[in-house]
Amino acid sequence: MEMKCKSIIFSAVFYVTSCAEITFKNTEITDVYVTDFNSDDIAKCRPSDVDLTHDEAREFFLRARQVDYKVIHDHYNFAPCYIEGTLNFKSKSCDWVIRAGATGHISCGKGETYFVCDICEDLFE
């Protein structure tokens, strides 16, 4: 009986810890700046396809949900054009990319956090 209780407690602690590690608090993002546009295929994907202002880029990250890269790979179109820029996350300067298909990522140091935004249609009109 004692072993079973420890196992349950361990499982609950592991679950809470795991959730805390993968949660990216989008509200801690500040100072979002768009710096450039790039396209791997300018004939198919143009600046107007991902023409976001600084405020709209921040709004993308506020609305977006964090996902694993595999989710983007398996379930979203990989748009050949994107905007990129910088932002602050927890007072740390990071780089970011937002693609025309409403996917993106933030790179802080060696780590990357991936996002999709299923409620951002108005930002890409």
C-alpha atoms as a PDB file:
ATOM      1  CA  MET A   1       0.000   0.000   0.000  1.00  0.00           C
ATOM      2  CA  GLU A   2       2.785   2.444   0.882  1.00  0.00           C
ATOM      3  CA  MET A   3       4.514   1.852  -2.473  1.00  0.00           C
ATOM      4  CA  LYS A   4       1.300   2.561  -4.359  1.00  0.00           C
ATOM      5  CA  CYS A   5       0.900   5.933  -2.627  1.00  0.00           C
ATOM      6  CA  LYS A   6       4.463   6.981  -3.470  1.00  0.00           C
ATOM      7  CA  SER A   7       3.876   5.996  -7.070  1.00  0.00           C
ATOM      8  CA  ILE A   8       0.737   8.103  -7.292  1.00  0.00           C
ATOM      9  CA  ILE A   9       2.447  11.091  -5.673  1.00  0.00           C
ATOM     10  CA  PHE A  10       5.445  10.725  -7.995  1.00  0.00           C
ATOM     11  CA  SER A  11       3.125  10.558 -11.016  1.00  0.00           C
ATOM     12  CA  ALA A  12       1.244  13.675  -9.942  1.00  0.00           C
ATOM     13  CA  VAL A  13       4.477  15.628  -9.336  1.00  0.00           C
ATOM     14  CA  PHE A  14       5.921  14.444 -12.661  1.00  0.00           C
ATOM     15  CA  TYR A  15       2.740  15.501 -14.495  1.00  0.00           C
ATOM     16  CA  VAL A  16       2.705  18.977 -12.952  1.00  0.00           C
ATOM     17  CA  THR A  17       6.432  19.425 -13.614  1.00  0.00           C
ATOM     18  CA  SER A  18       6.096  18.256 -17.223  1.00  0.00           C
ATOM     19  CA  CYS A  19       3.258  20.675 -17.904  1.00  0.00           C
ATOM     20  CA  ALA A  20       5.194  23.554 -16.380  1.00  0.00           C
ATOM     21  CA  GLU A  21       8.200  22.847 -18.597  1.00  0.00           C
ATOM     22  CA  ILE A  22       6.261  22.926 -21.856  1.00  0.00           C
ATOM     23  CA  THR A  23       4.088  25.956 -21.103  1.00  0.00           C
ATOM     24  CA  PHE A  24       5.318  29.100 -22.797  1.00  0.00           C
ATOM     25  CA  LYS A  25       3.657  32.157 -21.308  1.00  0.00           C
ATOM     26  CA  ASN A  26       2.998  34.262 -24.378  1.00  0.00           C
ATOM     27  CA  THR A  27       2.105  37.261 -22.207  1.00  0.00           C
ATOM     28  CA  GLU A  28       5.763  37.566 -21.177  1.00  0.00           C
ATOM     29  CA  ILE A  29       6.675  38.619 -24.726  1.00  0.00           C
ATOM     30  CA  THR A  30       7.498  42.317 -25.146  1.00  0.00           C
ATOM     31  CA  ASP A  31       9.244  44.638 -27.578  1.00  0.00           C
ATOM     32  CA  VAL A  32       8.318  42.740 -30.748  1.00  0.00           C
ATOM     33  CA  TYR A  33       9.994  44.206 -33.841  1.00  0.00           C
ATOM     34  CA  VAL A  34       9.675  43.124 -37.456  1.00  0.00           C
ATOM     35  CA  THR A  35      13.081  43.395 -39.139  1.00  0.00           C
ATOM     36  CA  ASP A  36      12.856  41.641 -42.508  1.00  0.00           C
ATOM     37  CA  PHE A  37      10.858  39.659 -45.057  1.00  0.00           C
ATOM     38  CA  ASN A  38      12.224  36.547 -46.822  1.00  0.00           C
ATOM     39  CA  SER A  39      10.820  34.148 -49.397  1.00  0.00           C
ATOM     40  CA  ASP A  40      12.126  30.869 -50.753  1.00  0.00           C
ATOM     41  CA  ASP A  41       9.729  31.265 -53.718  1.00  0.00           C
ATOM     42  CA  ILE A  42       8.847  34.898 -54.498  1.00  0.00           C
ATOM     43  CA  ALA A  43       6.534  33.810 -57.344  1.00  0.00           C
ATOM     44  CA  LYS A  44       4.281  31.929 -54.906  1.00  0.00           C
ATOM     45  CA  CYS A  45       4.710  33.855 -51.678  1.00  0.00           C
ATOM     46  CA  ARG A  46       5.070  37.641 -51.511  1.00  0.00           C
ATOM     47  CA  PRO A  47       5.468  40.264 -48.778  1.00  0.00           C
ATOM     48  CA  SER A  48       1.715  40.923 -48.857  1.00  0.00           C
ATOM     49  CA  ASP A  49       1.123  37.314 -47.725  1.00  0.00           C
ATOM     50  CA  VAL A  50       2.707  37.986 -44.341  1.00  0.00           C
ATOM     51  CA  ASP A  51       2.643  41.769 -44.013  1.00  0.00           C
ATOM     52  CA  LEU A  52       2.367  42.152 -40.232  1.00  0.00           C
ATOM     53  CA  THR A  53       3.168  45.244 -38.206  1.00  0.00           C
ATOM     54  CA  HIS A  54       5.115  45.067 -34.940  1.00  0.00           C
ATOM     55  CA  ASP A  55       1.837  45.035 -32.986  1.00  0.00           C
ATOM     56  CA  GLU A  56       0.299  42.362 -35.228  1.00  0.00           C
ATOM     57  CA  ALA A  57       3.381  40.158 -34.848  1.00  0.00           C
ATOM     58  CA  ARG A  58       3.040  40.434 -31.056  1.00  0.00           C
ATOM     59  CA  GLU A  59      -0.668  39.655 -31.387  1.00  0.00           C
ATOM     60  CA  PHE A  60       0.221  36.506 -33.359  1.00  0.00           C
ATOM     61  CA  PHE A  61       2.293  35.212 -30.438  1.00  0.00           C
ATOM     62  CA  LEU A  62      -0.378  36.194 -27.890  1.00  0.00           C
ATOM     63  CA  ARG A  63      -3.061  34.229 -29.764  1.00  0.00           C
ATOM     64  CA  ALA A  64      -0.876  31.317 -30.887  1.00  0.00           C
ATOM     65  CA  ARG A  65      -0.520  28.038 -29.084  1.00  0.00           C
ATOM     66  CA  GLN A  66       2.734  26.241 -28.502  1.00  0.00           C
ATOM     67  CA  VAL A  67       3.231  22.951 -30.354  1.00  0.00           C
ATOM     68  CA  ASP A  68       5.970  20.473 -31.177  1.00  0.00           C
ATOM     69  CA  TYR A  69       7.649  20.874 -34.554  1.00  0.00           C
ATOM     70  CA  LYS A  70       6.121  17.525 -35.591  1.00  0.00           C
ATOM     71  CA  VAL A  71       2.622  19.063 -35.326  1.00  0.00           C
ATOM     72  CA  ILE A  72       3.609  21.796 -37.790  1.00  0.00           C
ATOM     73  CA  HIS A  73       5.275  19.282 -40.084  1.00  0.00           C
ATOM     74  CA  ASP A  74       2.328  16.857 -40.065  1.00  0.00           C
ATOM     75  CA  HIS A  75      -0.684  19.199 -39.969  1.00  0.00           C
ATOM     76  CA  TYR A  76       0.184  22.652 -41.346  1.00  0.00           C
ATOM     77  CA  ASN A  77       1.292  24.030 -44.697  1.00  0.00           C
ATOM     78  CA  PHE A  78       4.893  25.194 -44.671  1.00  0.00           C
ATOM     79  CA  ALA A  79       4.711  28.585 -46.385  1.00  0.00           C
ATOM     80  CA  PRO A  80       7.862  29.574 -48.289  1.00  0.00           C
ATOM     81  CA  CYS A  81       7.769  33.188 -47.105  1.00  0.00           C
ATOM     82  CA  TYR A  82       8.103  34.688 -43.670  1.00  0.00           C
ATOM     83  CA  ILE A  83       8.852  37.764 -41.653  1.00  0.00           C
ATOM     84  CA  GLU A  84      11.431  37.748 -38.929  1.00  0.00           C
ATOM     85  CA  GLY A  85      12.424  39.949 -36.074  1.00  0.00           C
ATOM     86  CA  THR A  86      13.407  40.258 -32.458  1.00  0.00           C
ATOM     87  CA  LEU A  87      11.527  40.304 -29.179  1.00  0.00           C
ATOM     88  CA  ASN A  88      12.135  40.107 -25.463  1.00  0.00           C
ATOM     89  CA  PHE A  89      11.025  37.089 -23.488  1.00  0.00           C
ATOM     90  CA  LYS A  90      11.607  37.253 -19.738  1.00  0.00           C
ATOM     91  CA  SER A  91      14.015  40.155 -20.368  1.00  0.00           C
ATOM     92  CA  LYS A  92      16.041  38.013 -22.770  1.00  0.00           C
ATOM     93  CA  SER A  93      16.536  39.054 -26.404  1.00  0.00           C
ATOM     94  CA  CYS A  94      15.261  36.399 -28.831  1.00  0.00           C
ATOM     95  CA  ASP A  95      14.734  36.001 -32.581  1.00  0.00           C
ATOM     96  CA  TRP A  96      11.445  34.980 -34.141  1.00  0.00           C
ATOM     97  CA  VAL A  97       9.906  33.931 -37.459  1.00  0.00           C
ATOM     98  CA  ILE A  98       6.260  34.037 -38.552  1.00  0.00           C
ATOM     99  CA  ARG A  99       5.368  32.230 -41.787  1.00  0.00           C
ATOM    100  CA  ALA A 100       2.453  33.066 -44.077  1.00  0.00           C
ATOM    101  CA  GLY A 101       0.732  29.801 -43.069  1.00  0.00           C
ATOM    102  CA  ALA A 102       0.198  31.146 -39.514  1.00  0.00           C
ATOM    103  CA  THR A 103       3.053  29.133 -38.027  1.00  0.00           C
ATOM    104  CA  GLY A 104       6.131  30.467 -36.335  1.00  0.00           C
ATOM    105  CA  HIS A 105       8.892  29.955 -33.839  1.00  0.00           C
ATOM    106  CA  ILE A 106      10.931  31.824 -31.278  1.00  0.00           C
ATOM    107  CA  SER A 107      14.645  31.121 -30.863  1.00  0.00           C
ATOM    108  CA  CYS A 108      16.214  31.993 -27.536  1.00  0.00           C
ATOM    109  CA  GLY A 109      19.789  30.800 -27.322  1.00  0.00           C
ATOM    110  CA  LYS A 110      19.906  27.194 -28.478  1.00  0.00           C
ATOM    111  CA  GLY A 111      16.224  26.505 -27.812  1.00  0.00           C
ATOM    112  CA  GLU A 112      13.328  26.923 -30.230  1.00  0.00           C
ATOM    113  CA  THR A 113       9.657  27.113 -29.338  1.00  0.00           C
ATOM    114  CA  TYR A 114       7.117  26.469 -32.113  1.00  0.00           C
ATOM    115  CA  PHE A 115       3.689  28.066 -32.513  1.00  0.00           C
ATOM    116  CA  VAL A 116       0.561  27.771 -34.627  1.00  0.00           C
ATOM    117  CA  CYS A 117      -2.300  30.218 -34.682  1.00  0.00           C
ATOM    118  CA  ASP A 118      -5.653  28.882 -35.775  1.00  0.00           C
ATOM    119  CA  ILE A 119      -7.428  32.142 -34.845  1.00  0.00           C
ATOM    120  CA  CYS A 120      -5.209  34.608 -36.704  1.00  0.00           C
ATOM    121  CA  GLU A 121      -6.965  34.781 -40.085  1.00  0.00           C
ATOM    122  CA  ASP A 122      -7.580  38.513 -39.652  1.00  0.00           C
ATOM    123  CA  LEU A 123      -3.839  39.151 -39.282  1.00  0.00           C
ATOM    124  CA  PHE A 124      -3.090  37.561 -42.655  1.00  0.00           C
ATOM    125  CA  GLU A 125      -5.820  39.252 -44.757  1.00  0.00           C
END
